[in-house]
Amino acid sequence: MTKRRKWTAVGVALIAFMAGGAGQAQQLKNENLLVGMPQGFKLGFKDSKNGMNMQEFVPASETVENWTEMVTVQVFLGRKDLEPLQFLSLMQKQWAEACKGSTATPVATGKVNGYDATSILLRCPFLASTGKPETTMLKAIKGNDSFYVVQRAVRSVPTPERLETMKKYIESVSVCDSRLPSRPCPTVK
């Protein structure tokens, strides 16, 4: 399912890509989404409208129109009204409508660095619009300033190893806030 399809909610905020590299260390300010770009990926699409910022990353040799794997990052600016479980339930419903025979598996619900978060795994055996299977894992986090959603998708039936890679990636997504000692931000290079 292409990420530009039916995203009806609003917003993207600060995104800190935690990747190693040369440069001077900087301290993050305020509330930040902490998400790493997978090695070998590039920015394929970026948009900002109606209070929602979205970025899509694909392997360097692919495009957002023709991809085998994609990471989508959304920040819904100022949306303190959104709840992770309800948001992902809506995504599950939209997924089921777009893909006959789809399945949903809850991955985790709880706190991430003190913020409410929920993760879900969605599988589609055959997506009519692409003619391929699609599997995606999503994580939604309710920040104090904004609402964050990160998705890692593959257009295939993933091997157990690939599924574990997706899970570890989604588990690593977090939010921090330099204003709150209980939710500190890392120093970024």
C-alpha atoms as a PDB file:
ATOM      1  CA  MET A   1       0.000   0.000   0.000  1.00  0.00           C
ATOM      2  CA  THR A   2       1.604   3.221  -1.055  1.00  0.00           C
ATOM      3  CA  LYS A   3       1.888   5.599   1.866  1.00  0.00           C
ATOM      4  CA  ARG A   4       0.250   8.460  -0.013  1.00  0.00           C
ATOM      5  CA  ARG A   5      -2.967   6.469  -0.336  1.00  0.00           C
ATOM      6  CA  LYS A   6      -5.469   7.248   2.428  1.00  0.00           C
ATOM      7  CA  TRP A   7      -3.686   8.966   5.288  1.00  0.00           C
ATOM      8  CA  THR A   8      -6.472  11.103   6.651  1.00  0.00           C
ATOM      9  CA  ALA A   9      -4.815  12.474   9.775  1.00  0.00           C
ATOM     10  CA  VAL A  10      -2.591  15.536  10.007  1.00  0.00           C
ATOM     11  CA  GLY A  11       1.133  16.479  10.771  1.00  0.00           C
ATOM     12  CA  VAL A  12       5.094  15.942  10.950  1.00  0.00           C
ATOM     13  CA  ALA A  13       7.556  17.552  13.433  1.00  0.00           C
ATOM     14  CA  LEU A  14      11.205  17.250  14.268  1.00  0.00           C
ATOM     15  CA  ILE A  15      12.905  14.094  13.097  1.00  0.00           C
ATOM     16  CA  ALA A  16      16.350  13.181  14.371  1.00  0.00           C
ATOM     17  CA  PHE A  17      18.054  10.622  12.181  1.00  0.00           C
ATOM     18  CA  MET A  18      20.389   8.835  14.503  1.00  0.00           C
ATOM     19  CA  ALA A  19      23.131   7.783  12.154  1.00  0.00           C
ATOM     20  CA  GLY A  20      26.835   7.638  12.733  1.00  0.00           C
ATOM     21  CA  GLY A  21      28.917  10.191  10.934  1.00  0.00           C
ATOM     22  CA  ALA A  22      31.542  12.832  11.226  1.00  0.00           C
ATOM     23  CA  GLY A  23      30.692  16.245  12.517  1.00  0.00           C
ATOM     24  CA  GLN A  24      30.289  18.210  15.665  1.00  0.00           C
ATOM     25  CA  ALA A  25      28.043  16.783  18.395  1.00  0.00           C
ATOM     26  CA  GLN A  26      24.817  18.714  18.968  1.00  0.00           C
ATOM     27  CA  GLN A  27      22.186  18.535  21.659  1.00  0.00           C
ATOM     28  CA  LEU A  28      18.608  18.078  20.452  1.00  0.00           C
ATOM     29  CA  LYS A  29      16.144  20.726  21.610  1.00  0.00           C
ATOM     30  CA  ASN A  30      12.527  20.277  22.714  1.00  0.00           C
ATOM     31  CA  GLU A  31      10.528  17.195  21.657  1.00  0.00           C
ATOM     32  CA  ASN A  32      12.098  14.977  18.981  1.00  0.00           C
ATOM     33  CA  LEU A  33      11.237  11.790  17.170  1.00  0.00           C
ATOM     34  CA  LEU A  34      14.233   9.443  17.260  1.00  0.00           C
ATOM     35  CA  VAL A  35      14.269   7.218  14.191  1.00  0.00           C
ATOM     36  CA  GLY A  36      17.193   5.890  12.209  1.00  0.00           C
ATOM     37  CA  MET A  37      17.304   5.661   8.444  1.00  0.00           C
ATOM     38  CA  PRO A  38      18.225   2.089   7.459  1.00  0.00           C
ATOM     39  CA  GLN A  39      21.663   1.707   5.893  1.00  0.00           C
ATOM     40  CA  GLY A  40      21.540   1.977   2.103  1.00  0.00           C
ATOM     41  CA  PHE A  41      18.258   3.928   2.049  1.00  0.00           C
ATOM     42  CA  LYS A  42      17.611   7.364   0.570  1.00  0.00           C
ATOM     43  CA  LEU A  43      14.888   9.994   0.920  1.00  0.00           C
ATOM     44  CA  GLY A  44      12.404   9.298  -1.864  1.00  0.00           C
ATOM     45  CA  PHE A  45       9.524  11.603  -0.964  1.00  0.00           C
ATOM     46  CA  LYS A  46       8.904  14.502   1.386  1.00  0.00           C
ATOM     47  CA  ASP A  47       5.750  16.529   1.926  1.00  0.00           C
ATOM     48  CA  SER A  48       4.361  18.918   4.482  1.00  0.00           C
ATOM     49  CA  LYS A  49       0.734  20.041   4.511  1.00  0.00           C
ATOM     50  CA  ASN A  50      -2.209  20.510   6.827  1.00  0.00           C
ATOM     51  CA  GLY A  51       0.040  20.185   9.878  1.00  0.00           C
ATOM     52  CA  MET A  52       1.454  16.814   8.821  1.00  0.00           C
ATOM     53  CA  ASN A  53       5.026  16.232   7.717  1.00  0.00           C
ATOM     54  CA  MET A  54       5.798  12.993   5.902  1.00  0.00           C
ATOM     55  CA  GLN A  55       8.986  11.449   4.616  1.00  0.00           C
ATOM     56  CA  GLU A  56       9.390   8.175   2.725  1.00  0.00           C
ATOM     57  CA  PHE A  57      12.708   6.339   2.488  1.00  0.00           C
ATOM     58  CA  VAL A  58      13.500   3.539   0.042  1.00  0.00           C
ATOM     59  CA  PRO A  59      16.629   1.559  -0.877  1.00  0.00           C
ATOM     60  CA  ALA A  60      19.039   3.723  -2.867  1.00  0.00           C
ATOM     61  CA  SER A  61      18.345   1.879  -6.142  1.00  0.00           C
ATOM     62  CA  GLU A  62      14.528   2.139  -5.823  1.00  0.00           C
ATOM     63  CA  THR A  63      11.823   4.797  -6.044  1.00  0.00           C
ATOM     64  CA  VAL A  64       8.661   5.465  -4.035  1.00  0.00           C
ATOM     65  CA  GLU A  65       6.705   4.318  -7.082  1.00  0.00           C
ATOM     66  CA  ASN A  66       8.587   1.015  -7.402  1.00  0.00           C
ATOM     67  CA  TRP A  67       9.979  -0.259  -4.099  1.00  0.00           C
ATOM     68  CA  THR A  68      10.595  -3.518  -2.278  1.00  0.00           C
ATOM     69  CA  GLU A  69      11.014  -1.916   1.139  1.00  0.00           C
ATOM     70  CA  MET A  70       9.971   1.466   2.506  1.00  0.00           C
ATOM     71  CA  VAL A  71      10.157   3.434   5.739  1.00  0.00           C
ATOM     72  CA  THR A  72       7.516   6.121   6.224  1.00  0.00           C
ATOM     73  CA  VAL A  73       7.800   8.753   8.947  1.00  0.00           C
ATOM     74  CA  GLN A  74       4.870  11.007   9.821  1.00  0.00           C
ATOM     75  CA  VAL A  75       4.688  13.763  12.394  1.00  0.00           C
ATOM     76  CA  PHE A  76       1.270  15.233  13.133  1.00  0.00           C
ATOM     77  CA  LEU A  77       2.142  18.648  14.518  1.00  0.00           C
ATOM     78  CA  GLY A  78       0.278  19.749  17.633  1.00  0.00           C
ATOM     79  CA  ARG A  79      -2.069  16.732  17.508  1.00  0.00           C
ATOM     80  CA  LYS A  80      -2.343  15.992  21.208  1.00  0.00           C
ATOM     81  CA  ASP A  81      -5.829  14.558  20.621  1.00  0.00           C
ATOM     82  CA  LEU A  82      -4.639  11.444  18.766  1.00  0.00           C
ATOM     83  CA  GLU A  83      -4.219   8.153  20.653  1.00  0.00           C
ATOM     84  CA  PRO A  84      -1.873   5.381  19.440  1.00  0.00           C
ATOM     85  CA  LEU A  85      -4.271   2.446  19.847  1.00  0.00           C
ATOM     86  CA  GLN A  86      -7.203   4.234  18.175  1.00  0.00           C
ATOM     87  CA  PHE A  87      -5.011   5.543  15.358  1.00  0.00           C
ATOM     88  CA  LEU A  88      -3.601   2.114  14.561  1.00  0.00           C
ATOM     89  CA  SER A  89      -7.089   0.573  14.822  1.00  0.00           C
ATOM     90  CA  LEU A  90      -8.184   2.992  12.083  1.00  0.00           C
ATOM     91  CA  MET A  91      -5.109   2.043  10.024  1.00  0.00           C
ATOM     92  CA  GLN A  92      -5.986  -1.638  10.510  1.00  0.00           C
ATOM     93  CA  LYS A  93      -9.527  -0.983   9.275  1.00  0.00           C
ATOM     94  CA  GLN A  94      -8.271   0.892   6.187  1.00  0.00           C
ATOM     95  CA  TRP A  95      -5.754  -1.895   5.532  1.00  0.00           C
ATOM     96  CA  ALA A  96      -8.508  -4.547   5.719  1.00  0.00           C
ATOM     97  CA  GLU A  97     -10.672  -2.553   3.293  1.00  0.00           C
ATOM     98  CA  ALA A  98      -7.781  -2.266   0.814  1.00  0.00           C
ATOM     99  CA  CYS A  99      -6.678  -5.897   1.085  1.00  0.00           C
ATOM    100  CA  LYS A 100      -8.964  -8.914   1.187  1.00  0.00           C
ATOM    101  CA  GLY A 101      -7.665 -11.592   3.545  1.00  0.00           C
ATOM    102  CA  SER A 102      -5.375  -9.237   5.458  1.00  0.00           C
ATOM    103  CA  THR A 103      -4.367  -9.967   9.036  1.00  0.00           C
ATOM    104  CA  ALA A 104      -3.346  -7.777  11.954  1.00  0.00           C
ATOM    105  CA  THR A 105      -1.191  -8.774  14.904  1.00  0.00           C
ATOM    106  CA  PRO A 106      -0.631  -6.461  17.881  1.00  0.00           C
ATOM    107  CA  VAL A 107       3.094  -6.183  18.603  1.00  0.00           C
ATOM    108  CA  ALA A 108       3.292  -3.987  21.709  1.00  0.00           C
ATOM    109  CA  THR A 109       1.330  -1.454  23.719  1.00  0.00           C
ATOM    110  CA  GLY A 110       2.827   0.500  26.572  1.00  0.00           C
ATOM    111  CA  LYS A 111       5.320   3.268  27.183  1.00  0.00           C
ATOM    112  CA  VAL A 112       8.354   4.304  25.148  1.00  0.00           C
ATOM    113  CA  ASN A 113      10.594   6.670  27.112  1.00  0.00           C
ATOM    114  CA  GLY A 114       7.492   7.640  29.126  1.00  0.00           C
ATOM    115  CA  TYR A 115       5.226   8.212  26.091  1.00  0.00           C
ATOM    116  CA  ASP A 116       2.157   6.110  25.194  1.00  0.00           C
ATOM    117  CA  ALA A 117       2.956   3.902  22.201  1.00  0.00           C
ATOM    118  CA  THR A 118       1.402   1.053  20.232  1.00  0.00           C
ATOM    119  CA  SER A 119       2.826  -1.178  17.487  1.00  0.00           C
ATOM    120  CA  ILE A 120       1.034  -3.454  15.036  1.00  0.00           C
ATOM    121  CA  LEU A 121       1.976  -5.865  12.248  1.00  0.00           C
ATOM    122  CA  LEU A 122      -0.277  -5.863   9.171  1.00  0.00           C
ATOM    123  CA  ARG A 123      -0.075  -8.489   6.430  1.00  0.00           C
ATOM    124  CA  CYS A 124      -1.709  -8.456   3.025  1.00  0.00           C
ATOM    125  CA  PRO A 125      -1.478 -11.671   0.969  1.00  0.00           C
ATOM    126  CA  PHE A 126      -2.208  -9.916  -2.345  1.00  0.00           C
ATOM    127  CA  LEU A 127      -2.623  -6.175  -2.844  1.00  0.00           C
ATOM    128  CA  ALA A 128      -4.644  -5.612  -6.014  1.00  0.00           C
ATOM    129  CA  SER A 129      -3.068  -2.210  -6.752  1.00  0.00           C
ATOM    130  CA  THR A 130       0.449  -3.715  -6.939  1.00  0.00           C
ATOM    131  CA  GLY A 131      -0.194  -7.391  -7.594  1.00  0.00           C
ATOM    132  CA  LYS A 132       2.152  -8.234  -4.712  1.00  0.00           C
ATOM    133  CA  PRO A 133       1.900  -9.194  -1.069  1.00  0.00           C
ATOM    134  CA  GLU A 134       2.718  -6.472   1.460  1.00  0.00           C
ATOM    135  CA  THR A 135       3.697  -6.619   5.103  1.00  0.00           C
ATOM    136  CA  THR A 136       4.115  -3.593   7.322  1.00  0.00           C
ATOM    137  CA  MET A 137       4.897  -2.863  10.932  1.00  0.00           C
ATOM    138  CA  LEU A 138       3.770   0.461  12.395  1.00  0.00           C
ATOM    139  CA  LYS A 139       4.477   2.269  15.633  1.00  0.00           C
ATOM    140  CA  ALA A 140       2.468   5.247  16.873  1.00  0.00           C
ATOM    141  CA  ILE A 141       3.707   7.431  19.735  1.00  0.00           C
ATOM    142  CA  LYS A 142       1.742  10.161  21.489  1.00  0.00           C
ATOM    143  CA  GLY A 143       4.137  12.966  22.330  1.00  0.00           C
ATOM    144  CA  ASN A 144       3.384  16.020  24.436  1.00  0.00           C
ATOM    145  CA  ASP A 145       3.774  18.342  21.426  1.00  0.00           C
ATOM    146  CA  SER A 146       2.899  16.115  18.444  1.00  0.00           C
ATOM    147  CA  PHE A 147       1.856  12.617  17.359  1.00  0.00           C
ATOM    148  CA  TYR A 148       4.344  10.338  15.595  1.00  0.00           C
ATOM    149  CA  VAL A 149       3.930   7.341  13.284  1.00  0.00           C
ATOM    150  CA  VAL A 150       6.755   5.270  11.813  1.00  0.00           C
ATOM    151  CA  GLN A 151       6.119   2.436   9.384  1.00  0.00           C
ATOM    152  CA  ARG A 152       8.467  -0.106   7.842  1.00  0.00           C
ATOM    153  CA  ALA A 153       6.955  -2.049   4.950  1.00  0.00           C
ATOM    154  CA  VAL A 154       8.053  -4.754   2.520  1.00  0.00           C
ATOM    155  CA  ARG A 155       6.335  -5.827  -0.688  1.00  0.00           C
ATOM    156  CA  SER A 156       6.785  -9.505  -0.007  1.00  0.00           C
ATOM    157  CA  VAL A 157       6.067 -12.234   2.489  1.00  0.00           C
ATOM    158  CA  PRO A 158       9.064 -11.599   4.743  1.00  0.00           C
ATOM    159  CA  THR A 159      11.316 -14.347   6.018  1.00  0.00           C
ATOM    160  CA  PRO A 160      11.447 -14.711   9.811  1.00  0.00           C
ATOM    161  CA  GLU A 161      14.831 -12.944   9.732  1.00  0.00           C
ATOM    162  CA  ARG A 162      13.477  -9.989   7.762  1.00  0.00           C
ATOM    163  CA  LEU A 163      10.463  -9.781  10.062  1.00  0.00           C
ATOM    164  CA  GLU A 164      12.828  -9.706  13.054  1.00  0.00           C
ATOM    165  CA  THR A 165      14.798  -6.867  11.398  1.00  0.00           C
ATOM    166  CA  MET A 166      11.552  -4.923  10.909  1.00  0.00           C
ATOM    167  CA  LYS A 167      10.566  -5.538  14.538  1.00  0.00           C
ATOM    168  CA  LYS A 168      13.937  -4.404  15.913  1.00  0.00           C
ATOM    169  CA  TYR A 169      13.765  -1.290  13.760  1.00  0.00           C
ATOM    170  CA  ILE A 170      10.270  -0.383  14.983  1.00  0.00           C
ATOM    171  CA  GLU A 171      11.250  -1.133  18.588  1.00  0.00           C
ATOM    172  CA  SER A 172      14.141   1.352  18.285  1.00  0.00           C
ATOM    173  CA  VAL A 173      11.815   4.259  17.431  1.00  0.00           C
ATOM    174  CA  SER A 174      11.371   6.642  20.359  1.00  0.00           C
ATOM    175  CA  VAL A 175      10.625  10.223  21.361  1.00  0.00           C
ATOM    176  CA  CYS A 176      12.660  12.423  23.694  1.00  0.00           C
ATOM    177  CA  ASP A 177      12.264  15.917  25.130  1.00  0.00           C
ATOM    178  CA  SER A 178      15.196  18.083  26.206  1.00  0.00           C
ATOM    179  CA  ARG A 179      12.840  20.037  28.493  1.00  0.00           C
ATOM    180  CA  LEU A 180      11.976  16.958  30.565  1.00  0.00           C
ATOM    181  CA  PRO A 181      14.758  15.376  32.647  1.00  0.00           C
ATOM    182  CA  SER A 182      12.784  12.098  32.729  1.00  0.00           C
ATOM    183  CA  ARG A 183      12.786  11.935  28.891  1.00  0.00           C
ATOM    184  CA  PRO A 184      16.303  13.069  27.938  1.00  0.00           C
ATOM    185  CA  CYS A 185      17.554  13.395  24.384  1.00  0.00           C
ATOM    186  CA  PRO A 186      20.834  11.867  23.242  1.00  0.00           C
ATOM    187  CA  THR A 187      23.692  13.945  21.873  1.00  0.00           C
ATOM    188  CA  VAL A 188      23.775  13.655  18.083  1.00  0.00           C
ATOM    189  CA  LYS A 189      26.903  13.709  15.924  1.00  0.00           C
END
